[in-house]
């Protein structure tokens, strides 16, 4: 599966493949393969990229056109008692 949005997000944020690879702690060639879909991207990298670009993972995966992350549920101590 090709992740065109990974490339689009990277370019929109004026980042190089090398910069994103460094952020993820992998080699540039490995990251390039994630963008091109010739290598499966690990879930922890998807999470890291989602946080880095401030978009939800479903957007990166092409499952939605909604970029913004879903609001986090705030669980109070009262709801657990």
PDB file of N, CA and C in Angstrom:
ATOM      1  N   UNK A   1       0.839  -1.180   0.000  1.00  0.00           N
ATOM      2  CA  UNK A   1       0.000   0.000   0.000  1.00  0.00           C
ATOM      3  C   UNK A   1       0.886   1.245   0.000  1.00  0.00           C
ATOM      4  N   UNK A   2       0.636   2.113  -0.942  1.00  0.00           N
ATOM      5  CA  UNK A   2       1.403   3.359  -1.020  1.00  0.00           C
ATOM      6  C   UNK A   2       0.749   4.417  -0.141  1.00  0.00           C
ATOM      7  N   UNK A   3       1.567   5.144   0.572  1.00  0.00           N
ATOM      8  CA  UNK A   3       1.061   6.203   1.439  1.00  0.00           C
ATOM      9  C   UNK A   3       1.409   7.559   0.843  1.00  0.00           C
ATOM     10  N   UNK A   4       0.668   7.944  -0.185  1.00  0.00           N
ATOM     11  CA  UNK A   4       0.889   9.220  -0.857  1.00  0.00           C
ATOM     12  C   UNK A   4       0.824  10.380   0.131  1.00  0.00           C
ATOM     13  N   UNK A   5      -0.018  10.241   1.125  1.00  0.00           N
ATOM     14  CA  UNK A   5      -0.160  11.336   2.085  1.00  0.00           C
ATOM     15  C   UNK A   5       1.091  11.540   2.925  1.00  0.00           C
ATOM     16  N   UNK A   6       1.875  10.487   3.135  1.00  0.00           N
ATOM     17  CA  UNK A   6       3.146  10.672   3.852  1.00  0.00           C
ATOM     18  C   UNK A   6       4.040  11.629   3.086  1.00  0.00           C
ATOM     19  N   UNK A   7       4.128  11.418   1.802  1.00  0.00           N
ATOM     20  CA  UNK A   7       4.943  12.300   0.971  1.00  0.00           C
ATOM     21  C   UNK A   7       4.360  13.709   0.949  1.00  0.00           C
ATOM     22  N   UNK A   8       3.049  13.819   0.782  1.00  0.00           N
ATOM     23  CA  UNK A   8       2.395  15.131   0.747  1.00  0.00           C
ATOM     24  C   UNK A   8       2.608  15.896   2.052  1.00  0.00           C
ATOM     25  N   UNK A   9       2.432  15.218   3.179  1.00  0.00           N
ATOM     26  CA  UNK A   9       2.634  15.872   4.476  1.00  0.00           C
ATOM     27  C   UNK A   9       4.076  16.330   4.646  1.00  0.00           C
ATOM     28  N   UNK A  10       5.000  15.483   4.236  1.00  0.00           N
ATOM     29  CA  UNK A  10       6.424  15.824   4.353  1.00  0.00           C
ATOM     30  C   UNK A  10       6.743  17.062   3.522  1.00  0.00           C
ATOM     31  N   UNK A  11       6.274  17.082   2.292  1.00  0.00           N
ATOM     32  CA  UNK A  11       6.546  18.217   1.397  1.00  0.00           C
ATOM     33  C   UNK A  11       5.851  19.480   1.902  1.00  0.00           C
ATOM     34  N   UNK A  12       4.591  19.346   2.344  1.00  0.00           N
ATOM     35  CA  UNK A  12       3.856  20.500   2.871  1.00  0.00           C
ATOM     36  C   UNK A  12       4.538  21.115   4.085  1.00  0.00           C
ATOM     37  N   UNK A  13       5.302  20.311   4.810  1.00  0.00           N
ATOM     38  CA  UNK A  13       6.008  20.791   6.000  1.00  0.00           C
ATOM     39  C   UNK A  13       7.477  21.103   5.720  1.00  0.00           C
ATOM     40  N   UNK A  14       7.828  21.161   4.442  1.00  0.00           N
ATOM     41  CA  UNK A  14       9.193  21.502   4.013  1.00  0.00           C
ATOM     42  C   UNK A  14      10.252  20.621   4.673  1.00  0.00           C
ATOM     43  N   UNK A  15       9.979  19.318   4.722  1.00  0.00           N
ATOM     44  CA  UNK A  15      10.918  18.363   5.294  1.00  0.00           C
ATOM     45  C   UNK A  15      11.448  17.448   4.196  1.00  0.00           C
ATOM     46  N   UNK A  16      12.652  16.955   4.400  1.00  0.00           N
ATOM     47  CA  UNK A  16      13.236  15.990   3.475  1.00  0.00           C
ATOM     48  C   UNK A  16      13.004  14.582   4.015  1.00  0.00           C
ATOM     49  N   UNK A  17      13.181  13.600   3.160  1.00  0.00           N
ATOM     50  CA  UNK A  17      13.091  12.226   3.623  1.00  0.00           C
ATOM     51  C   UNK A  17      14.134  11.962   4.694  1.00  0.00           C
ATOM     52  N   UNK A  18      15.309  12.535   4.541  1.00  0.00           N
ATOM     53  CA  UNK A  18      16.377  12.345   5.526  1.00  0.00           C
ATOM     54  C   UNK A  18      15.977  12.912   6.889  1.00  0.00           C
ATOM     55  N   UNK A  19      15.324  14.061   6.914  1.00  0.00           N
ATOM     56  CA  UNK A  19      14.903  14.663   8.184  1.00  0.00           C
ATOM     57  C   UNK A  19      13.848  13.810   8.883  1.00  0.00           C
ATOM     58  N   UNK A  20      12.904  13.305   8.118  1.00  0.00           N
ATOM     59  CA  UNK A  20      11.861  12.466   8.713  1.00  0.00           C
ATOM     60  C   UNK A  20      12.452  11.139   9.174  1.00  0.00           C
ATOM     61  N   UNK A  21      13.348  10.586   8.384  1.00  0.00           N
ATOM     62  CA  UNK A  21      14.012   9.341   8.779  1.00  0.00           C
ATOM     63  C   UNK A  21      14.773   9.539  10.084  1.00  0.00           C
ATOM     64  N   UNK A  22      15.451  10.655  10.211  1.00  0.00           N
ATOM     65  CA  UNK A  22      16.189  10.944  11.446  1.00  0.00           C
ATOM     66  C   UNK A  22      15.231  11.050  12.626  1.00  0.00           C
ATOM     67  N   UNK A  23      14.107  11.733  12.421  1.00  0.00           N
ATOM     68  CA  UNK A  23      13.090  11.864  13.468  1.00  0.00           C
ATOM     69  C   UNK A  23      12.600  10.485  13.925  1.00  0.00           C
ATOM     70  N   UNK A  24      12.410   9.577  12.965  1.00  0.00           N
ATOM     71  CA  UNK A  24      11.918   8.237  13.281  1.00  0.00           C
ATOM     72  C   UNK A  24      13.013   7.300  13.778  1.00  0.00           C
ATOM     73  N   UNK A  25      14.264   7.688  13.533  1.00  0.00           N
ATOM     74  CA  UNK A  25      15.376   6.841  13.934  1.00  0.00           C
ATOM     75  C   UNK A  25      15.622   5.688  12.979  1.00  0.00           C
ATOM     76  N   UNK A  26      15.405   5.949  11.690  1.00  0.00           N
ATOM     77  CA  UNK A  26      15.661   4.920  10.680  1.00  0.00           C
ATOM     78  C   UNK A  26      16.483   5.533   9.549  1.00  0.00           C
ATOM     79  N   UNK A  27      16.892   4.712   8.605  1.00  0.00           N
ATOM     80  CA  UNK A  27      17.660   5.201   7.460  1.00  0.00           C
ATOM     81  C   UNK A  27      16.724   5.835   6.443  1.00  0.00           C
ATOM     82  N   UNK A  28      17.245   6.789   5.672  1.00  0.00           N
ATOM     83  CA  UNK A  28      16.434   7.469   4.665  1.00  0.00           C
ATOM     84  C   UNK A  28      15.834   6.491   3.670  1.00  0.00           C
ATOM     85  N   UNK A  29      16.608   5.508   3.256  1.00  0.00           N
ATOM     86  CA  UNK A  29      16.117   4.529   2.278  1.00  0.00           C
ATOM     87  C   UNK A  29      14.932   3.731   2.840  1.00  0.00           C
ATOM     88  N   UNK A  30      14.985   3.425   4.110  1.00  0.00           N
ATOM     89  CA  UNK A  30      13.872   2.715   4.749  1.00  0.00           C
ATOM     90  C   UNK A  30      12.628   3.599   4.730  1.00  0.00           C
ATOM     91  N   UNK A  31      12.793   4.867   5.098  1.00  0.00           N
ATOM     92  CA  UNK A  31      11.647   5.777   5.078  1.00  0.00           C
ATOM     93  C   UNK A  31      11.110   5.945   3.666  1.00  0.00           C
ATOM     94  N   UNK A  32      11.988   6.047   2.672  1.00  0.00           N
ATOM     95  CA  UNK A  32      11.550   6.176   1.279  1.00  0.00           C
ATOM     96  C   UNK A  32      10.653   5.007   0.894  1.00  0.00           C
ATOM     97  N   UNK A  33      11.013   3.835   1.355  1.00  0.00           N
ATOM     98  CA  UNK A  33      10.205   2.642   1.046  1.00  0.00           C
ATOM     99  C   UNK A  33       8.833   2.693   1.727  1.00  0.00           C
ATOM    100  N   UNK A  34       8.762   3.319   2.897  1.00  0.00           N
ATOM    101  CA  UNK A  34       7.451   3.510   3.529  1.00  0.00           C
ATOM    102  C   UNK A  34       6.576   4.394   2.648  1.00  0.00           C
ATOM    103  N   UNK A  35       7.137   5.501   2.185  1.00  0.00           N
ATOM    104  CA  UNK A  35       6.377   6.413   1.329  1.00  0.00           C
ATOM    105  C   UNK A  35       5.917   5.728   0.050  1.00  0.00           C
ATOM    106  N   UNK A  36       6.771   4.917  -0.523  1.00  0.00           N
ATOM    107  CA  UNK A  36       6.457   4.273  -1.809  1.00  0.00           C
ATOM    108  C   UNK A  36       5.615   3.010  -1.645  1.00  0.00           C
ATOM    109  N   UNK A  37       5.475   2.534  -0.409  1.00  0.00           N
ATOM    110  CA  UNK A  37       4.652   1.367  -0.159  1.00  0.00           C
ATOM    111  C   UNK A  37       5.334   0.041  -0.430  1.00  0.00           C
ATOM    112  N   UNK A  38       6.646   0.059  -0.565  1.00  0.00           N
ATOM    113  CA  UNK A  38       7.363  -1.195  -0.795  1.00  0.00           C
ATOM    114  C   UNK A  38       7.810  -1.843   0.506  1.00  0.00           C
ATOM    115  N   UNK A  39       7.530  -1.169   1.618  1.00  0.00           N
ATOM    116  CA  UNK A  39       7.847  -1.709   2.937  1.00  0.00           C
ATOM    117  C   UNK A  39       6.733  -1.287   3.889  1.00  0.00           C
ATOM    118  N   UNK A  40       6.284  -2.216   4.728  1.00  0.00           N
ATOM    119  CA  UNK A  40       5.225  -1.910   5.694  1.00  0.00           C
ATOM    120  C   UNK A  40       5.752  -0.967   6.765  1.00  0.00           C
ATOM    121  N   UNK A  41       4.965   0.058   7.057  1.00  0.00           N
ATOM    122  CA  UNK A  41       5.364   1.012   8.082  1.00  0.00           C
ATOM    123  C   UNK A  41       4.886   0.515   9.449  1.00  0.00           C
ATOM    124  N   UNK A  42       5.773   0.479  10.428  1.00  0.00           N
ATOM    125  CA  UNK A  42       5.385   0.022  11.762  1.00  0.00           C
ATOM    126  C   UNK A  42       4.370   0.968  12.414  1.00  0.00           C
ATOM    127  N   UNK A  43       3.522   0.400  13.242  1.00  0.00           N
ATOM    128  CA  UNK A  43       2.490   1.181  13.920  1.00  0.00           C
ATOM    129  C   UNK A  43       3.094   2.307  14.752  1.00  0.00           C
ATOM    130  N   UNK A  44       4.206   2.026  15.436  1.00  0.00           N
ATOM    131  CA  UNK A  44       4.805   3.081  16.267  1.00  0.00           C
ATOM    132  C   UNK A  44       5.302   4.247  15.416  1.00  0.00           C
ATOM    133  N   UNK A  45       5.713   3.987  14.182  1.00  0.00           N
ATOM    134  CA  UNK A  45       6.107   5.069  13.283  1.00  0.00           C
ATOM    135  C   UNK A  45       4.881   5.849  12.821  1.00  0.00           C
ATOM    136  N   UNK A  46       3.771   5.155  12.564  1.00  0.00           N
ATOM    137  CA  UNK A  46       2.534   5.849  12.199  1.00  0.00           C
ATOM    138  C   UNK A  46       2.091   6.785  13.317  1.00  0.00           C
ATOM    139  N   UNK A  47       2.178   6.305  14.538  1.00  0.00           N
ATOM    140  CA  UNK A  47       1.807   7.138  15.682  1.00  0.00           C
ATOM    141  C   UNK A  47       2.725   8.352  15.776  1.00  0.00           C
ATOM    142  N   UNK A  48       4.032   8.127  15.640  1.00  0.00           N
ATOM    143  CA  UNK A  48       4.999   9.227  15.719  1.00  0.00           C
ATOM    144  C   UNK A  48       4.745  10.257  14.625  1.00  0.00           C
ATOM    145  N   UNK A  49       4.466   9.807  13.408  1.00  0.00           N
ATOM    146  CA  UNK A  49       4.208  10.738  12.306  1.00  0.00           C
ATOM    147  C   UNK A  49       2.889  11.472  12.503  1.00  0.00           C
ATOM    148  N   UNK A  50       1.902  10.786  13.042  1.00  0.00           N
ATOM    149  CA  UNK A  50       0.625  11.422  13.340  1.00  0.00           C
ATOM    150  C   UNK A  50       0.811  12.566  14.331  1.00  0.00           C
ATOM    151  N   UNK A  51       1.608  12.329  15.357  1.00  0.00           N
ATOM    152  CA  UNK A  51       1.884  13.376  16.345  1.00  0.00           C
ATOM    153  C   UNK A  51       2.744  14.489  15.752  1.00  0.00           C
ATOM    154  N   UNK A  52       3.733  14.131  14.949  1.00  0.00           N
ATOM    155  CA  UNK A  52       4.630  15.105  14.335  1.00  0.00           C
ATOM    156  C   UNK A  52       3.866  16.069  13.430  1.00  0.00           C
ATOM    157  N   UNK A  53       2.977  15.516  12.594  1.00  0.00           N
ATOM    158  CA  UNK A  53       2.225  16.343  11.642  1.00  0.00           C
ATOM    159  C   UNK A  53       0.897  16.853  12.197  1.00  0.00           C
ATOM    160  N   UNK A  54       0.542  16.392  13.407  1.00  0.00           N
ATOM    161  CA  UNK A  54      -0.725  16.764  14.036  1.00  0.00           C
ATOM    162  C   UNK A  54      -1.926  16.397  13.144  1.00  0.00           C
ATOM    163  N   UNK A  55      -1.901  15.178  12.653  1.00  0.00           N
ATOM    164  CA  UNK A  55      -3.017  14.633  11.873  1.00  0.00           C
ATOM    165  C   UNK A  55      -3.373  13.271  12.454  1.00  0.00           C
ATOM    166  N   UNK A  56      -4.581  12.800  12.148  1.00  0.00           N
ATOM    167  CA  UNK A  56      -4.920  11.481  12.663  1.00  0.00           C
ATOM    168  C   UNK A  56      -4.375  10.390  11.743  1.00  0.00           C
ATOM    169  N   UNK A  57      -4.189   9.229  12.314  1.00  0.00           N
ATOM    170  CA  UNK A  57      -3.612   8.102  11.577  1.00  0.00           C
ATOM    171  C   UNK A  57      -4.511   7.707  10.412  1.00  0.00           C
ATOM    172  N   UNK A  58      -5.813   7.779  10.592  1.00  0.00           N
ATOM    173  CA  UNK A  58      -6.728   7.443   9.497  1.00  0.00           C
ATOM    174  C   UNK A  58      -6.486   8.329   8.284  1.00  0.00           C
ATOM    175  N   UNK A  59      -6.116   9.577   8.518  1.00  0.00           N
ATOM    176  CA  UNK A  59      -5.795  10.473   7.397  1.00  0.00           C
ATOM    177  C   UNK A  59      -4.550   9.973   6.664  1.00  0.00           C
ATOM    178  N   UNK A  60      -3.510   9.622   7.396  1.00  0.00           N
ATOM    179  CA  UNK A  60      -2.284   9.109   6.782  1.00  0.00           C
ATOM    180  C   UNK A  60      -2.583   7.858   5.965  1.00  0.00           C
ATOM    181  N   UNK A  61      -3.447   6.993   6.498  1.00  0.00           N
ATOM    182  CA  UNK A  61      -3.772   5.741   5.829  1.00  0.00           C
ATOM    183  C   UNK A  61      -4.749   5.914   4.666  1.00  0.00           C
ATOM    184  N   UNK A  62      -5.298   7.118   4.513  1.00  0.00           N
ATOM    185  CA  UNK A  62      -6.233   7.371   3.432  1.00  0.00           C
ATOM    186  C   UNK A  62      -7.653   6.910   3.725  1.00  0.00           C
ATOM    187  N   UNK A  63      -7.965   6.682   4.996  1.00  0.00           N
ATOM    188  CA  UNK A  63      -9.292   6.226   5.380  1.00  0.00           C
ATOM    189  C   UNK A  63     -10.270   7.361   5.609  1.00  0.00           C
ATOM    190  N   UNK A  64      -9.751   8.577   5.734  1.00  0.00           N
ATOM    191  CA  UNK A  64     -10.583   9.760   5.922  1.00  0.00           C
ATOM    192  C   UNK A  64      -9.866  10.956   5.322  1.00  0.00           C
ATOM    193  N   UNK A  65     -10.630  11.987   5.042  1.00  0.00           N
ATOM    194  CA  UNK A  65     -10.040  13.244   4.581  1.00  0.00           C
ATOM    195  C   UNK A  65      -9.932  14.252   5.718  1.00  0.00           C
ATOM    196  N   UNK A  66     -10.342  13.834   6.909  1.00  0.00           N
ATOM    197  CA  UNK A  66     -10.276  14.681   8.101  1.00  0.00           C
ATOM    198  C   UNK A  66      -8.865  14.622   8.660  1.00  0.00           C
ATOM    199  N   UNK A  67      -8.167  15.754   8.620  1.00  0.00           N
ATOM    200  CA  UNK A  67      -6.771  15.780   9.063  1.00  0.00           C
ATOM    201  C   UNK A  67      -6.611  15.805  10.572  1.00  0.00           C
ATOM    202  N   UNK A  68      -7.456  16.527  11.248  1.00  0.00           N
ATOM    203  CA  UNK A  68      -7.254  16.754  12.675  1.00  0.00           C
ATOM    204  C   UNK A  68      -7.449  15.481  13.481  1.00  0.00           C
ATOM    205  N   UNK A  69      -6.609  15.311  14.491  1.00  0.00           N
ATOM    206  CA  UNK A  69      -6.748  14.141  15.365  1.00  0.00           C
ATOM    207  C   UNK A  69      -8.086  14.168  16.088  1.00  0.00           C
ATOM    208  N   UNK A  70      -8.557  12.990  16.414  1.00  0.00           N
ATOM    209  CA  UNK A  70      -9.782  12.898  17.185  1.00  0.00           C
ATOM    210  C   UNK A  70      -9.524  13.443  18.581  1.00  0.00           C
ATOM    211  N   UNK A  71     -10.516  14.111  19.172  1.00  0.00           N
ATOM    212  CA  UNK A  71     -10.304  14.613  20.531  1.00  0.00           C
ATOM    213  C   UNK A  71     -10.066  13.459  21.500  1.00  0.00           C
ATOM    214  N   UNK A  72      -9.153  13.671  22.399  1.00  0.00           N
ATOM    215  CA  UNK A  72      -8.874  12.651  23.412  1.00  0.00           C
ATOM    216  C   UNK A  72      -9.937  12.718  24.489  1.00  0.00           C
ATOM    217  N   UNK A  73     -10.375  11.552  24.900  1.00  0.00           N
ATOM    218  CA  UNK A  73     -11.357  11.491  25.997  1.00  0.00           C
ATOM    219  C   UNK A  73     -10.658  11.778  27.304  1.00  0.00           C
ATOM    220  N   UNK A  74     -11.225  12.672  28.047  1.00  0.00           N
ATOM    221  CA  UNK A  74     -10.676  12.971  29.366  1.00  0.00           C
ATOM    222  C   UNK A  74     -11.497  12.183  30.379  1.00  0.00           C
ATOM    223  N   UNK A  75     -10.849  11.255  31.024  1.00  0.00           N
ATOM    224  CA  UNK A  75     -11.530  10.393  31.992  1.00  0.00           C
ATOM    225  C   UNK A  75     -11.228  10.934  33.381  1.00  0.00           C
ATOM    226  N   UNK A  76     -12.287  11.246  34.082  1.00  0.00           N
ATOM    227  CA  UNK A  76     -12.101  11.757  35.442  1.00  0.00           C
ATOM    228  C   UNK A  76     -12.060  10.601  36.425  1.00  0.00           C
ATOM    229  N   UNK A  77     -11.532  10.875  37.594  1.00  0.00           N
ATOM    230  CA  UNK A  77     -11.468   9.856  38.640  1.00  0.00           C
ATOM    231  C   UNK A  77     -12.875   9.420  39.053  1.00  0.00           C
ATOM    232  N   UNK A  78     -13.840  10.338  38.991  1.00  0.00           N
ATOM    233  CA  UNK A  78     -15.212  10.007  39.375  1.00  0.00           C
ATOM    234  C   UNK A  78     -15.803   8.922  38.490  1.00  0.00           C
ATOM    235  N   UNK A  79     -15.469   8.924  37.223  1.00  0.00           N
ATOM    236  CA  UNK A  79     -16.068   7.945  36.318  1.00  0.00           C
ATOM    237  C   UNK A  79     -15.553   6.527  36.567  1.00  0.00           C
ATOM    238  N   UNK A  80     -14.466   6.390  37.316  1.00  0.00           N
ATOM    239  CA  UNK A  80     -13.914   5.080  37.624  1.00  0.00           C
ATOM    240  C   UNK A  80     -14.308   4.591  39.021  1.00  0.00           C
ATOM    241  N   UNK A  81     -15.021   5.400  39.760  1.00  0.00           N
ATOM    242  CA  UNK A  81     -15.361   5.008  41.143  1.00  0.00           C
ATOM    243  C   UNK A  81     -16.742   4.394  41.204  1.00  0.00           C
TER     244      UNK A  81
END
